[in-house]
Amino acid sequence: MALTPVVAVAQGNPPNALSTRERAEGWQLLFNGRDLEGWRSFDGRAPSPSWTVHDGTLELTATSGRMSGADLVTAGSYGAFELTLDWKVAPGGNSGVLYLARNLPQTKQVYETGLEMQILDDVGHPDGKIPSHHAGSLYDLTVPPPRVSRPAGSWNHARLLVERGRIRQWLNGTPTADVSYGDAAWRKRVAGSKFAAMPFFGTFSNGVIALQDHGEPVAFRNVKLRAIGASALGGAK
């Protein structure tokens, strides 16, 4: 499937703010730049204290180096949508943006159901040696072009477009994933990945969006979403 160039949303606005044009196009802020309103833990409780807001930046301050599972999850669920955000990691950092995820009685972690747009220090983290784990990848399912991420400590701009039957991702304006979703080709792709043993992975048409707690520092800002298609009318299933 060909990767279609798409013009990114203008980045000249103040941090964590919507332009007049963005408001008219239906964009909303998922992070207000002040607090964690609209976010929770995956189990429905209040966000982990590891997540803090400092100078308009949403930060994971844990430095354990271990995945603690305290992912930050949206209160709402989303189907077809466009998402943009900025992220940066510390040297050796690892995180991700997960989406179309559900909290089921049979699962314990977001990644058992939700797809992941990978966040990584490609140079300093061991996963940088695995092409399908590079920053910008649809984690363990696609291989992004080389050298699309910026060095650790630098801001990166990510874009995600989820449509019925198709998922696309960009990092710093470069397409990094374009796959069909929910069809035989998708199921074959999953069967060849580490998610093959997770029966609910990648099976939902809507779900929560999560920022991953991988136990390593990561920061986010300008987290914006625009519902499209049936989702914009409240019709996503």
Protein backbone atom coordinates (compact mmCIF):
# COMPACT_ATOMS: atom_id res chain seq x y z
CA MET A 1 0.00 0.00 0.00
CA ALA A 2 1.49 3.35 -1.03
CA LEU A 3 2.32 5.99 1.52
CA THR A 4 0.43 9.18 0.69
CA PRO A 5 2.10 12.50 1.59
CA VAL A 6 -0.15 14.55 3.86
CA VAL A 7 0.28 18.15 4.95
CA ALA A 8 0.84 18.29 8.71
CA VAL A 9 -1.09 20.56 11.04
CA ALA A 10 0.69 23.87 11.48
CA GLN A 11 3.08 23.90 14.45
CA GLY A 12 3.36 27.69 14.85
CA ASN A 13 0.80 27.95 17.66
CA PRO A 14 1.66 28.45 21.34
CA PRO A 15 2.21 25.11 23.11
CA ASN A 16 -0.93 23.19 24.07
CA ALA A 17 -3.27 25.56 22.27
CA LEU A 18 -5.58 25.31 19.27
CA SER A 19 -5.56 27.78 16.41
CA THR A 20 -8.77 29.21 15.01
CA ARG A 21 -8.37 26.92 12.02
CA GLU A 22 -7.88 23.83 14.19
CA ARG A 23 -10.99 24.61 16.19
CA ALA A 24 -12.99 25.02 12.99
CA GLU A 25 -11.69 21.64 11.77
CA GLY A 26 -12.82 19.90 14.95
CA TRP A 27 -9.52 19.46 16.77
CA GLN A 28 -9.50 19.11 20.55
CA LEU A 29 -6.73 19.19 23.13
CA LEU A 30 -6.20 15.93 25.00
CA PHE A 31 -3.62 17.62 27.23
CA ASN A 32 -4.42 21.13 28.47
CA GLY A 33 -0.86 21.97 29.52
CA ARG A 34 -1.84 22.48 33.17
CA ASP A 35 -2.94 19.20 34.73
CA LEU A 36 -4.04 15.63 33.98
CA GLU A 37 -7.71 16.41 33.40
CA GLY A 38 -9.15 13.82 31.00
CA TRP A 39 -6.55 11.15 31.84
CA ARG A 40 -6.55 8.18 34.19
CA SER A 41 -4.75 4.90 34.82
CA PHE A 42 -5.65 1.86 32.72
CA ASP A 43 -7.57 0.35 35.64
CA GLY A 44 -9.76 3.46 35.87
CA ARG A 45 -8.15 4.94 38.96
CA ALA A 46 -6.37 8.28 39.23
CA PRO A 47 -3.15 8.66 37.21
CA SER A 48 0.05 7.35 38.73
CA PRO A 49 2.06 10.03 40.57
CA SER A 50 4.92 9.17 38.21
CA TRP A 51 3.13 11.39 35.66
CA THR A 52 3.51 15.11 36.31
CA VAL A 53 2.98 18.41 34.50
CA HIS A 54 5.83 20.92 34.45
CA ASP A 55 5.99 24.13 32.43
CA GLY A 56 3.34 22.94 29.98
CA THR A 57 4.93 19.53 29.48
CA LEU A 58 3.46 16.17 30.45
CA GLU A 59 6.31 14.14 31.92
CA LEU A 60 6.92 10.62 33.15
CA THR A 61 9.51 11.05 35.85
CA ALA A 62 10.12 7.38 36.76
CA THR A 63 13.69 6.26 36.23
CA SER A 64 13.50 2.62 37.33
CA GLY A 65 14.39 1.29 33.89
CA ARG A 66 11.59 -1.26 34.23
CA MET A 67 8.12 -1.27 32.76
CA SER A 68 5.88 -0.38 35.70
CA GLY A 69 2.55 -0.63 33.87
CA ALA A 70 1.22 2.74 35.07
CA ASP A 71 0.21 3.81 31.56
CA LEU A 72 -1.68 7.08 31.22
CA VAL A 73 -5.00 6.51 29.44
CA THR A 74 -7.65 8.83 28.02
CA ALA A 75 -10.99 8.88 29.78
CA GLY A 76 -12.73 8.70 26.39
CA SER A 77 -12.62 6.11 23.61
CA TYR A 78 -11.92 6.94 19.98
CA GLY A 79 -12.54 5.17 16.68
CA ALA A 80 -11.60 6.90 13.42
CA PHE A 81 -9.40 9.86 14.30
CA GLU A 82 -6.29 11.89 13.60
CA LEU A 83 -3.82 12.43 16.45
CA THR A 84 -0.78 14.68 16.61
CA LEU A 85 1.68 15.22 19.45
CA ASP A 86 5.27 16.09 20.29
CA TRP A 87 7.47 13.73 22.30
CA LYS A 88 11.03 13.47 23.55
CA VAL A 89 12.94 10.85 25.51
CA ALA A 90 16.02 10.88 27.68
CA PRO A 91 19.08 8.96 26.46
CA GLY A 92 18.22 5.27 26.33
CA GLY A 93 14.51 6.04 26.67
CA ASN A 94 11.58 3.92 25.52
CA SER A 95 7.84 4.66 25.47
CA GLY A 96 4.92 4.61 23.05
CA VAL A 97 1.50 5.88 22.09
CA LEU A 98 -1.03 3.05 22.17
CA TYR A 99 -4.49 3.21 20.62
CA LEU A 100 -7.64 1.18 19.89
CA ALA A 101 -7.06 -0.41 23.31
CA ARG A 102 -9.61 -1.94 25.67
CA ASN A 103 -9.48 -2.97 29.31
CA LEU A 104 -10.93 -6.49 29.31
CA PRO A 105 -11.37 -9.03 32.11
CA GLN A 106 -8.99 -11.31 30.19
CA THR A 107 -6.18 -8.74 29.89
CA LYS A 108 -3.94 -6.82 32.26
CA GLN A 109 -1.89 -4.48 30.06
CA VAL A 110 -2.75 -1.91 27.38
CA TYR A 111 -0.47 -3.60 24.84
CA GLU A 112 -2.53 -6.82 24.95
CA THR A 113 -5.23 -5.08 22.91
CA GLY A 114 -3.84 -1.76 21.66
CA LEU A 115 -1.52 -0.98 18.77
CA GLU A 116 1.61 1.04 19.51
CA MET A 117 3.30 3.92 17.73
CA GLN A 118 6.81 3.41 19.05
CA ILE A 119 8.79 6.06 20.93
CA LEU A 120 12.50 5.27 21.34
CA ASP A 121 16.02 6.57 21.52
CA ASP A 122 17.10 4.52 18.51
CA VAL A 123 20.79 5.08 19.23
CA GLY A 124 20.89 4.52 22.97
CA HIS A 125 18.26 1.81 23.60
CA PRO A 126 18.80 -1.92 22.83
CA ASP A 127 15.56 -1.98 20.81
CA GLY A 128 17.31 0.30 18.34
CA LYS A 129 18.97 -2.84 16.99
CA ILE A 130 15.55 -4.21 15.91
CA PRO A 131 14.22 -2.39 12.80
CA SER A 132 10.54 -2.99 13.64
CA HIS A 133 11.11 -1.44 17.07
CA HIS A 134 12.56 1.85 15.82
CA ALA A 135 10.90 5.15 16.68
CA GLY A 136 7.85 5.76 14.53
CA SER A 137 7.19 2.10 13.81
CA LEU A 138 3.87 0.39 14.32
CA TYR A 139 5.64 -1.57 17.01
CA ASP A 140 6.87 -5.02 15.91
CA LEU A 141 4.67 -4.82 12.79
CA THR A 142 6.29 -2.30 10.44
CA VAL A 143 9.79 -0.99 9.73
CA PRO A 144 10.10 2.80 9.38
CA PRO A 145 12.63 4.52 7.12
CA PRO A 146 16.05 4.98 8.76
CA ARG A 147 17.02 8.05 10.77
CA VAL A 148 13.59 9.68 11.03
CA SER A 149 13.81 10.32 14.76
CA ARG A 150 15.79 13.14 16.35
CA PRO A 151 18.48 12.64 19.03
CA ALA A 152 17.50 11.92 22.63
CA GLY A 153 16.47 15.12 24.39
CA SER A 154 15.05 16.64 21.19
CA TRP A 155 11.37 17.11 20.41
CA ASN A 156 9.85 14.87 17.73
CA HIS A 157 6.50 15.47 16.02
CA ALA A 158 4.28 12.42 15.55
CA ARG A 159 1.06 12.02 13.56
CA LEU A 160 -1.38 9.12 13.52
CA LEU A 161 -4.35 8.63 11.21
CA VAL A 162 -6.81 5.84 11.99
CA GLU A 163 -9.50 5.24 9.37
CA ARG A 164 -11.82 2.34 8.76
CA GLY A 165 -9.61 -0.47 7.45
CA ARG A 166 -6.41 1.60 7.32
CA ILE A 167 -3.79 2.92 9.73
CA ARG A 168 -1.05 5.43 8.94
CA GLN A 169 1.73 6.94 11.03
CA TRP A 170 4.27 9.74 10.49
CA LEU A 171 7.30 10.91 12.44
CA ASN A 172 8.77 14.35 11.80
CA GLY A 173 6.81 14.54 8.56
CA THR A 174 8.06 11.20 7.20
CA PRO A 175 5.59 8.33 6.67
CA THR A 176 6.56 5.41 8.92
CA ALA A 177 3.61 3.01 8.62
CA ASP A 178 0.71 2.41 6.24
CA VAL A 179 -1.19 -0.83 6.75
CA SER A 180 -4.63 -2.29 6.24
CA TYR A 181 -6.50 -3.04 9.45
CA GLY A 182 -8.92 -5.79 10.36
CA ASP A 183 -8.59 -7.81 7.15
CA ALA A 184 -6.77 -11.05 6.27
CA ALA A 185 -3.54 -9.15 5.55
CA TRP A 186 -3.70 -7.56 9.00
CA ARG A 187 -4.28 -10.89 10.72
CA LYS A 188 -1.33 -12.39 8.84
CA ARG A 189 0.85 -9.47 9.90
CA VAL A 190 -0.11 -9.96 13.56
CA ALA A 191 0.45 -13.71 13.31
CA GLY A 192 4.07 -13.03 12.36
CA SER A 193 4.68 -10.72 15.33
CA LYS A 194 5.16 -10.98 19.09
CA PHE A 195 1.41 -10.34 19.46
CA ALA A 196 0.42 -13.64 17.85
CA ALA A 197 -0.30 -15.15 21.28
CA MET A 198 -2.55 -12.24 22.32
CA PRO A 199 -6.03 -13.07 20.97
CA PHE A 200 -7.51 -9.61 21.50
CA PHE A 201 -4.64 -7.59 20.05
CA GLY A 202 -5.64 -5.33 17.18
CA THR A 203 -9.25 -6.52 17.04
CA PHE A 204 -11.18 -3.38 18.02
CA SER A 205 -12.45 -0.50 15.90
CA ASN A 206 -12.32 1.97 18.79
CA GLY A 207 -10.72 2.24 22.21
CA VAL A 208 -8.67 4.38 24.54
CA ILE A 209 -5.40 6.12 23.73
CA ALA A 210 -2.52 5.52 26.14
CA LEU A 211 0.89 7.03 26.82
CA GLN A 212 3.15 4.20 27.88
CA ASP A 213 4.96 4.01 31.19
CA HIS A 214 8.04 1.97 30.30
CA GLY A 215 9.81 3.00 33.50
CA GLU A 216 12.00 5.51 31.64
CA PRO A 217 11.60 9.30 31.38
CA VAL A 218 9.52 10.63 28.49
CA ALA A 219 7.77 13.95 27.83
CA PHE A 220 4.77 15.01 25.73
CA ARG A 221 3.14 18.24 24.64
CA ASN A 222 0.64 19.47 22.02
CA VAL A 223 -1.48 16.32 22.25
CA LYS A 224 -4.34 17.00 19.82
CA LEU A 225 -7.08 14.84 18.33
CA ARG A 226 -9.67 15.25 15.58
CA ALA A 227 -12.46 12.70 15.27
CA ILE A 228 -13.29 11.85 11.66
CA GLY A 229 -16.02 10.01 9.81
CA ALA A 230 -18.60 8.29 11.98
CA SER A 231 -16.56 9.12 15.10
CA ALA A 232 -17.10 12.82 14.55
CA LEU A 233 -20.84 12.16 14.70
CA GLY A 234 -20.62 9.89 17.70
CA GLY A 235 -21.18 6.80 15.60
CA ALA A 236 -18.01 4.78 16.14
CA LYS A 237 -18.57 1.20 17.30
